[in-house]
C-alpha atoms as a PDB file:
ATOM      1  CA  UNK A   1       0.000   0.000   0.000  1.00  0.00           C
ATOM      2  CA  UNK A   2       2.724   2.438   0.958  1.00  0.00           C
ATOM      3  CA  UNK A   3       6.366   2.806   0.004  1.00  0.00           C
ATOM      4  CA  UNK A   4       8.713   4.610   2.389  1.00  0.00           C
ATOM      5  CA  UNK A   5      11.303   5.815  -0.088  1.00  0.00           C
ATOM      6  CA  UNK A   6      14.506   7.752   0.289  1.00  0.00           C
ATOM      7  CA  UNK A   7      17.368   7.705   2.759  1.00  0.00           C
ATOM      8  CA  UNK A   8      18.514   9.870   5.642  1.00  0.00           C
ATOM      9  CA  UNK A   9      16.853  13.270   5.950  1.00  0.00           C
ATOM     10  CA  UNK A  10      14.993  12.795   2.666  1.00  0.00           C
ATOM     11  CA  UNK A  11      13.304   9.587   3.728  1.00  0.00           C
ATOM     12  CA  UNK A  12       9.516   9.555   4.021  1.00  0.00           C
ATOM     13  CA  UNK A  13       8.473   8.508   7.521  1.00  0.00           C
ATOM     14  CA  UNK A  14       5.210   7.063   8.775  1.00  0.00           C
ATOM     15  CA  UNK A  15       4.228  10.255  10.589  1.00  0.00           C
ATOM     16  CA  UNK A  16       4.149  12.083   7.229  1.00  0.00           C
ATOM     17  CA  UNK A  17       1.486   9.755   5.794  1.00  0.00           C
ATOM     18  CA  UNK A  18      -2.160  11.000   5.633  1.00  0.00           C
ATOM     19  CA  UNK A  19      -4.364   9.233   8.189  1.00  0.00           C
ATOM     20  CA  UNK A  20      -6.660   7.817   5.498  1.00  0.00           C
ATOM     21  CA  UNK A  21      -3.752   5.960   3.913  1.00  0.00           C
ATOM     22  CA  UNK A  22      -2.213   5.123   7.241  1.00  0.00           C
ATOM     23  CA  UNK A  23      -5.236   3.249   8.583  1.00  0.00           C
ATOM     24  CA  UNK A  24      -5.195   0.868   5.617  1.00  0.00           C
ATOM     25  CA  UNK A  25      -1.457   0.382   5.974  1.00  0.00           C
ATOM     26  CA  UNK A  26      -1.776  -0.343   9.701  1.00  0.00           C
ATOM     27  CA  UNK A  27      -4.515  -2.907   9.092  1.00  0.00           C
ATOM     28  CA  UNK A  28      -2.421  -4.611   6.428  1.00  0.00           C
ATOM     29  CA  UNK A  29       0.574  -4.758   8.765  1.00  0.00           C
ATOM     30  CA  UNK A  30      -1.514  -6.258  11.583  1.00  0.00           C
ATOM     31  CA  UNK A  31      -2.969  -8.851   9.207  1.00  0.00           C
ATOM     32  CA  UNK A  32       0.491  -9.900   7.961  1.00  0.00           C
ATOM     33  CA  UNK A  33       1.845 -10.208  11.516  1.00  0.00           C
ATOM     34  CA  UNK A  34      -1.075 -12.455  12.456  1.00  0.00           C
ATOM     35  CA  UNK A  35      -0.449 -14.659   9.404  1.00  0.00           C
ATOM     36  CA  UNK A  36       3.227 -14.965  10.315  1.00  0.00           C
ATOM     37  CA  UNK A  37       2.507 -15.989  13.914  1.00  0.00           C
ATOM     38  CA  UNK A  38       1.888 -19.694  13.291  1.00  0.00           C
ATOM     39  CA  UNK A  39       4.826 -20.094  10.891  1.00  0.00           C
ATOM     40  CA  UNK A  40       7.277 -18.291  13.174  1.00  0.00           C
ATOM     41  CA  UNK A  41       6.016 -20.081  16.280  1.00  0.00           C
ATOM     42  CA  UNK A  42       6.938 -23.400  14.711  1.00  0.00           C
ATOM     43  CA  UNK A  43      10.452 -22.149  13.891  1.00  0.00           C
ATOM     44  CA  UNK A  44      10.948 -20.802  17.406  1.00  0.00           C
ATOM     45  CA  UNK A  45       9.971 -24.145  18.909  1.00  0.00           C
ATOM     46  CA  UNK A  46      12.213 -26.024  16.495  1.00  0.00           C
ATOM     47  CA  UNK A  47      15.179 -23.814  17.458  1.00  0.00           C
ATOM     48  CA  UNK A  48      14.394 -24.067  21.157  1.00  0.00           C
ATOM     49  CA  UNK A  49      14.081 -20.323  21.592  1.00  0.00           C
ATOM     50  CA  UNK A  50      10.787 -20.118  23.496  1.00  0.00           C
ATOM     51  CA  UNK A  51      12.499 -19.045  26.731  1.00  0.00           C
ATOM     52  CA  UNK A  52      14.557 -16.382  24.940  1.00  0.00           C
ATOM     53  CA  UNK A  53      11.427 -14.996  23.325  1.00  0.00           C
ATOM     54  CA  UNK A  54       9.184 -14.944  26.401  1.00  0.00           C
ATOM     55  CA  UNK A  55      11.753 -14.220  29.132  1.00  0.00           C
ATOM     56  CA  UNK A  56      14.034 -11.751  27.309  1.00  0.00           C
ATOM     57  CA  UNK A  57      12.689 -10.329  24.061  1.00  0.00           C
ATOM     58  CA  UNK A  58       9.052  -9.709  24.984  1.00  0.00           C
ATOM     59  CA  UNK A  59       9.823  -8.054  28.357  1.00  0.00           C
ATOM     60  CA  UNK A  60      12.470  -5.936  26.615  1.00  0.00           C
ATOM     61  CA  UNK A  61       9.809  -4.448  24.333  1.00  0.00           C
ATOM     62  CA  UNK A  62       8.267  -2.624  27.287  1.00  0.00           C
ATOM     63  CA  UNK A  63      11.657  -1.410  28.494  1.00  0.00           C
ATOM     64  CA  UNK A  64      12.582  -0.005  25.076  1.00  0.00           C
ATOM     65  CA  UNK A  65       9.173   1.620  24.663  1.00  0.00           C
ATOM     66  CA  UNK A  66       9.659   3.349  28.020  1.00  0.00           C
ATOM     67  CA  UNK A  67      13.156   4.499  26.987  1.00  0.00           C
ATOM     68  CA  UNK A  68      11.840   5.899  23.710  1.00  0.00           C
ATOM     69  CA  UNK A  69       9.003   7.733  25.467  1.00  0.00           C
ATOM     70  CA  UNK A  70      11.328   9.116  28.158  1.00  0.00           C
ATOM     71  CA  UNK A  71      13.842  10.381  25.602  1.00  0.00           C
ATOM     72  CA  UNK A  72      17.360  11.728  26.008  1.00  0.00           C
ATOM     73  CA  UNK A  73      18.119  15.069  27.645  1.00  0.00           C
ATOM     74  CA  UNK A  74      20.719  17.286  25.970  1.00  0.00           C
ATOM     75  CA  UNK A  75      22.726  20.047  27.572  1.00  0.00           C
ATOM     76  CA  UNK A  76      22.290  22.682  24.873  1.00  0.00           C
ATOM     77  CA  UNK A  77      24.439  25.212  26.707  1.00  0.00           C
ATOM     78  CA  UNK A  78      27.433  22.872  26.652  1.00  0.00           C
ATOM     79  CA  UNK A  79      26.870  22.075  22.975  1.00  0.00           C
ATOM     80  CA  UNK A  80      26.597  25.761  22.043  1.00  0.00           C
ATOM     81  CA  UNK A  81      29.822  26.507  23.921  1.00  0.00           C
ATOM     82  CA  UNK A  82      31.508  23.555  22.233  1.00  0.00           C
ATOM     83  CA  UNK A  83      30.333  24.832  18.846  1.00  0.00           C
ATOM     84  CA  UNK A  84      32.288  28.041  19.430  1.00  0.00           C
ATOM     85  CA  UNK A  85      35.385  26.078  20.474  1.00  0.00           C
ATOM     86  CA  UNK A  86      35.227  23.867  17.381  1.00  0.00           C
ATOM     87  CA  UNK A  87      34.623  26.850  15.091  1.00  0.00           C
ATOM     88  CA  UNK A  88      37.714  28.598  16.457  1.00  0.00           C
ATOM     89  CA  UNK A  89      39.780  25.433  16.003  1.00  0.00           C
ATOM     90  CA  UNK A  90      38.558  25.151  12.422  1.00  0.00           C
ATOM     91  CA  UNK A  91      39.476  28.723  11.590  1.00  0.00           C
ATOM     92  CA  UNK A  92      42.947  28.241  13.064  1.00  0.00           C
ATOM     93  CA  UNK A  93      43.503  24.990  11.136  1.00  0.00           C
ATOM     94  CA  UNK A  94      42.276  26.494   7.879  1.00  0.00           C
ATOM     95  CA  UNK A  95      44.772  29.364   8.163  1.00  0.00           C
ATOM     96  CA  UNK A  96      47.591  26.886   8.811  1.00  0.00           C
ATOM     97  CA  UNK A  97      46.543  24.805   5.801  1.00  0.00           C
ATOM     98  CA  UNK A  98      46.455  27.852   3.502  1.00  0.00           C
ATOM     99  CA  UNK A  99      49.941  28.828   4.714  1.00  0.00           C
ATOM    100  CA  UNK A 100      51.337  25.352   4.028  1.00  0.00           C
ATOM    101  CA  UNK A 101      49.624  25.210   0.632  1.00  0.00           C
ATOM    102  CA  UNK A 102      50.711  28.703  -0.349  1.00  0.00           C
ATOM    103  CA  UNK A 103      47.165  29.457  -1.514  1.00  0.00           C
ATOM    104  CA  UNK A 104      43.578  29.471  -0.345  1.00  0.00           C
ATOM    105  CA  UNK A 105      41.260  26.728  -1.614  1.00  0.00           C
ATOM    106  CA  UNK A 106      38.052  24.916  -0.694  1.00  0.00           C
ATOM    107  CA  UNK A 107      39.119  22.301   1.852  1.00  0.00           C
ATOM    108  CA  UNK A 108      35.703  20.632   1.494  1.00  0.00           C
ATOM    109  CA  UNK A 109      36.311  20.019  -2.213  1.00  0.00           C
ATOM    110  CA  UNK A 110      38.050  16.681  -2.931  1.00  0.00           C
ATOM    111  CA  UNK A 111      38.996  17.989  -6.385  1.00  0.00           C
ATOM    112  CA  UNK A 112      40.711  21.106  -5.030  1.00  0.00           C
ATOM    113  CA  UNK A 113      42.373  19.167  -2.209  1.00  0.00           C
ATOM    114  CA  UNK A 114      43.734  16.708  -4.759  1.00  0.00           C
ATOM    115  CA  UNK A 115      45.080  19.478  -6.962  1.00  0.00           C
ATOM    116  CA  UNK A 116      46.820  21.156  -4.020  1.00  0.00           C
ATOM    117  CA  UNK A 117      48.334  17.982  -2.593  1.00  0.00           C
ATOM    118  CA  UNK A 118      49.401  16.247  -5.772  1.00  0.00           C
ATOM    119  CA  UNK A 119      49.921  18.981  -8.348  1.00  0.00           C
ATOM    120  CA  UNK A 120      50.947  22.003  -6.328  1.00  0.00           C
ATOM    121  CA  UNK A 121      52.813  20.291  -3.442  1.00  0.00           C
ATOM    122  CA  UNK A 122      53.571  17.010  -5.253  1.00  0.00           C
ATOM    123  CA  UNK A 123      53.599  15.006  -2.021  1.00  0.00           C
ATOM    124  CA  UNK A 124      53.059  11.688  -3.846  1.00  0.00           C
ATOM    125  CA  UNK A 125      53.489  10.938  -7.538  1.00  0.00           C
ATOM    126  CA  UNK A 126      51.937   7.453  -7.297  1.00  0.00           C
ATOM    127  CA  UNK A 127      48.646   8.464  -5.744  1.00  0.00           C
ATOM    128  CA  UNK A 128      45.504   6.627  -6.839  1.00  0.00           C
ATOM    129  CA  UNK A 129      42.987   8.264  -9.107  1.00  0.00           C
ATOM    130  CA  UNK A 130      39.239   7.714  -9.203  1.00  0.00           C
ATOM    131  CA  UNK A 131      37.400   6.276 -12.208  1.00  0.00           C
ATOM    132  CA  UNK A 132      36.736   9.828 -13.366  1.00  0.00           C
ATOM    133  CA  UNK A 133      40.485  10.478 -13.483  1.00  0.00           C
ATOM    134  CA  UNK A 134      40.594  12.724 -10.418  1.00  0.00           C
ATOM    135  CA  UNK A 135      42.966  12.360  -7.513  1.00  0.00           C
ATOM    136  CA  UNK A 136      41.649  10.242  -4.665  1.00  0.00           C
ATOM    137  CA  UNK A 137      41.558  12.107  -1.350  1.00  0.00           C
ATOM    138  CA  UNK A 138      39.638   9.501   0.619  1.00  0.00           C
ATOM    139  CA  UNK A 139      40.265   8.913   4.310  1.00  0.00           C
ATOM    140  CA  UNK A 140      42.428   5.860   3.587  1.00  0.00           C
ATOM    141  CA  UNK A 141      44.563   7.711   1.049  1.00  0.00           C
ATOM    142  CA  UNK A 142      45.171  10.690   3.311  1.00  0.00           C
ATOM    143  CA  UNK A 143      45.925   8.469   6.308  1.00  0.00           C
ATOM    144  CA  UNK A 144      48.640   6.747   4.271  1.00  0.00           C
ATOM    145  CA  UNK A 145      50.194  10.127   3.406  1.00  0.00           C
ATOM    146  CA  UNK A 146      50.196  11.699   6.890  1.00  0.00           C
ATOM    147  CA  UNK A 147      53.966  11.443   7.314  1.00  0.00           C
ATOM    148  CA  UNK A 148      54.802  13.098   3.989  1.00  0.00           C
ATOM    149  CA  UNK A 149      53.543  16.587   4.723  1.00  0.00           C
ATOM    150  CA  UNK A 150      51.945  18.186   7.826  1.00  0.00           C
ATOM    151  CA  UNK A 151      49.164  19.620   5.654  1.00  0.00           C
ATOM    152  CA  UNK A 152      47.644  16.152   5.284  1.00  0.00           C
ATOM    153  CA  UNK A 153      47.016  15.632   8.996  1.00  0.00           C
ATOM    154  CA  UNK A 154      45.586  19.130   9.278  1.00  0.00           C
ATOM    155  CA  UNK A 155      43.134  18.413   6.442  1.00  0.00           C
ATOM    156  CA  UNK A 156      42.088  15.201   8.210  1.00  0.00           C
ATOM    157  CA  UNK A 157      41.589  17.180  11.420  1.00  0.00           C
ATOM    158  CA  UNK A 158      39.419  19.706   9.591  1.00  0.00           C
ATOM    159  CA  UNK A 159      37.245  16.896   8.243  1.00  0.00           C
ATOM    160  CA  UNK A 160      36.908  15.436  11.716  1.00  0.00           C
ATOM    161  CA  UNK A 161      35.919  18.744  13.307  1.00  0.00           C
ATOM    162  CA  UNK A 162      33.406  19.500  10.565  1.00  0.00           C
ATOM    163  CA  UNK A 163      31.895  16.047  11.059  1.00  0.00           C
ATOM    164  CA  UNK A 164      31.508  16.741  14.780  1.00  0.00           C
ATOM    165  CA  UNK A 165      29.858  20.074  14.074  1.00  0.00           C
ATOM    166  CA  UNK A 166      27.444  19.042  11.343  1.00  0.00           C
ATOM    167  CA  UNK A 167      26.458  15.586  12.614  1.00  0.00           C
ATOM    168  CA  UNK A 168      26.319  16.160  16.355  1.00  0.00           C
ATOM    169  CA  UNK A 169      26.933  19.605  17.828  1.00  0.00           C
ATOM    170  CA  UNK A 170      24.712  21.502  15.365  1.00  0.00           C
ATOM    171  CA  UNK A 171      22.319  18.719  14.345  1.00  0.00           C
ATOM    172  CA  UNK A 172      21.268  17.137  17.645  1.00  0.00           C
ATOM    173  CA  UNK A 173      19.724  20.273  19.235  1.00  0.00           C
ATOM    174  CA  UNK A 174      17.502  20.638  16.173  1.00  0.00           C
ATOM    175  CA  UNK A 175      16.005  17.198  16.896  1.00  0.00           C
ATOM    176  CA  UNK A 176      14.774  18.120  20.370  1.00  0.00           C
ATOM    177  CA  UNK A 177      11.022  17.642  20.751  1.00  0.00           C
ATOM    178  CA  UNK A 178       9.454  21.020  21.526  1.00  0.00           C
ATOM    179  CA  UNK A 179       6.892  19.484  23.895  1.00  0.00           C
ATOM    180  CA  UNK A 180       9.193  17.276  25.977  1.00  0.00           C
ATOM    181  CA  UNK A 181      12.503  19.096  25.585  1.00  0.00           C
ATOM    182  CA  UNK A 182      14.203  15.788  24.779  1.00  0.00           C
ATOM    183  CA  UNK A 183      15.342  13.733  21.800  1.00  0.00           C
ATOM    184  CA  UNK A 184      13.257  10.630  21.153  1.00  0.00           C
ATOM    185  CA  UNK A 185      15.109   7.982  19.178  1.00  0.00           C
ATOM    186  CA  UNK A 186      13.815   4.603  17.991  1.00  0.00           C
ATOM    187  CA  UNK A 187      15.513   1.482  19.359  1.00  0.00           C
ATOM    188  CA  UNK A 188      15.505  -1.414  16.907  1.00  0.00           C
ATOM    189  CA  UNK A 189      15.324  -4.734  18.686  1.00  0.00           C
ATOM    190  CA  UNK A 190      15.489  -7.147  15.763  1.00  0.00           C
ATOM    191  CA  UNK A 191      17.542  -5.483  13.033  1.00  0.00           C
ATOM    192  CA  UNK A 192      21.207  -6.314  13.533  1.00  0.00           C
ATOM    193  CA  UNK A 193      22.544  -9.770  12.696  1.00  0.00           C
ATOM    194  CA  UNK A 194      24.474  -9.946  15.973  1.00  0.00           C
ATOM    195  CA  UNK A 195      21.395  -9.346  18.114  1.00  0.00           C
ATOM    196  CA  UNK A 196      22.508  -6.017  19.568  1.00  0.00           C
ATOM    197  CA  UNK A 197      20.225  -3.009  19.647  1.00  0.00           C
ATOM    198  CA  UNK A 198      20.447  -0.293  17.047  1.00  0.00           C
ATOM    199  CA  UNK A 199      19.149   3.261  17.240  1.00  0.00           C
ATOM    200  CA  UNK A 200      17.649   5.354  14.436  1.00  0.00           C
ATOM    201  CA  UNK A 201      16.086   8.769  13.865  1.00  0.00           C
ATOM    202  CA  UNK A 202      18.528   9.803  15.227  1.00  0.00           C
ATOM    203  CA  UNK A 203      21.261   7.258  15.881  1.00  0.00           C
ATOM    204  CA  UNK A 204      22.152   7.837  19.530  1.00  0.00           C
ATOM    205  CA  UNK A 205      24.651   4.998  19.723  1.00  0.00           C
ATOM    206  CA  UNK A 206      27.480   6.321  17.557  1.00  0.00           C
ATOM    207  CA  UNK A 207      28.157   9.655  19.249  1.00  0.00           C
ATOM    208  CA  UNK A 208      31.897   9.968  19.902  1.00  0.00           C
ATOM    209  CA  UNK A 209      33.129  10.849  23.391  1.00  0.00           C
END
């Protein structure tokens, strides 16, 4: 009935669906779950997983639902202060990079970074090129070149700081629910192959220290 297309921020989510469509979708989902019950029950018994299901997985559903409803409190003041610190560090690094390069360029542009490193500074004549014939400036490539020129490590540091800013420090406060003042993620109980939990919208499990 419905297709939830797209990825990341552009992905259509269930809360965006009109209620008239959503009721049919919900009924279809409930019907399919009921049809699966007998088939899955047989598999669970065959694998001897009844205790795991009833003593661990089912009780965990209530715990995760409570965690999702409670949400995660953010200290916005600390994040805003940290944003200023990171911004200052970025500006300082960018000036150092321009000095080492002898020119200003767009550090976010892989093409321009490649031209500076491999044509202007010539730090490696055997560097890999992409299928389009451009210089590769991927994380792996730059990590392998760190000892050849200090500009490389500074570019890696800039990428790391910008990742912190855009993915966490600037993005997370925007996800705070205006009614509760907290972030409400979704914990996925049966998604990963290893059996561990995963967290989506947003992912609260991959935030670096």
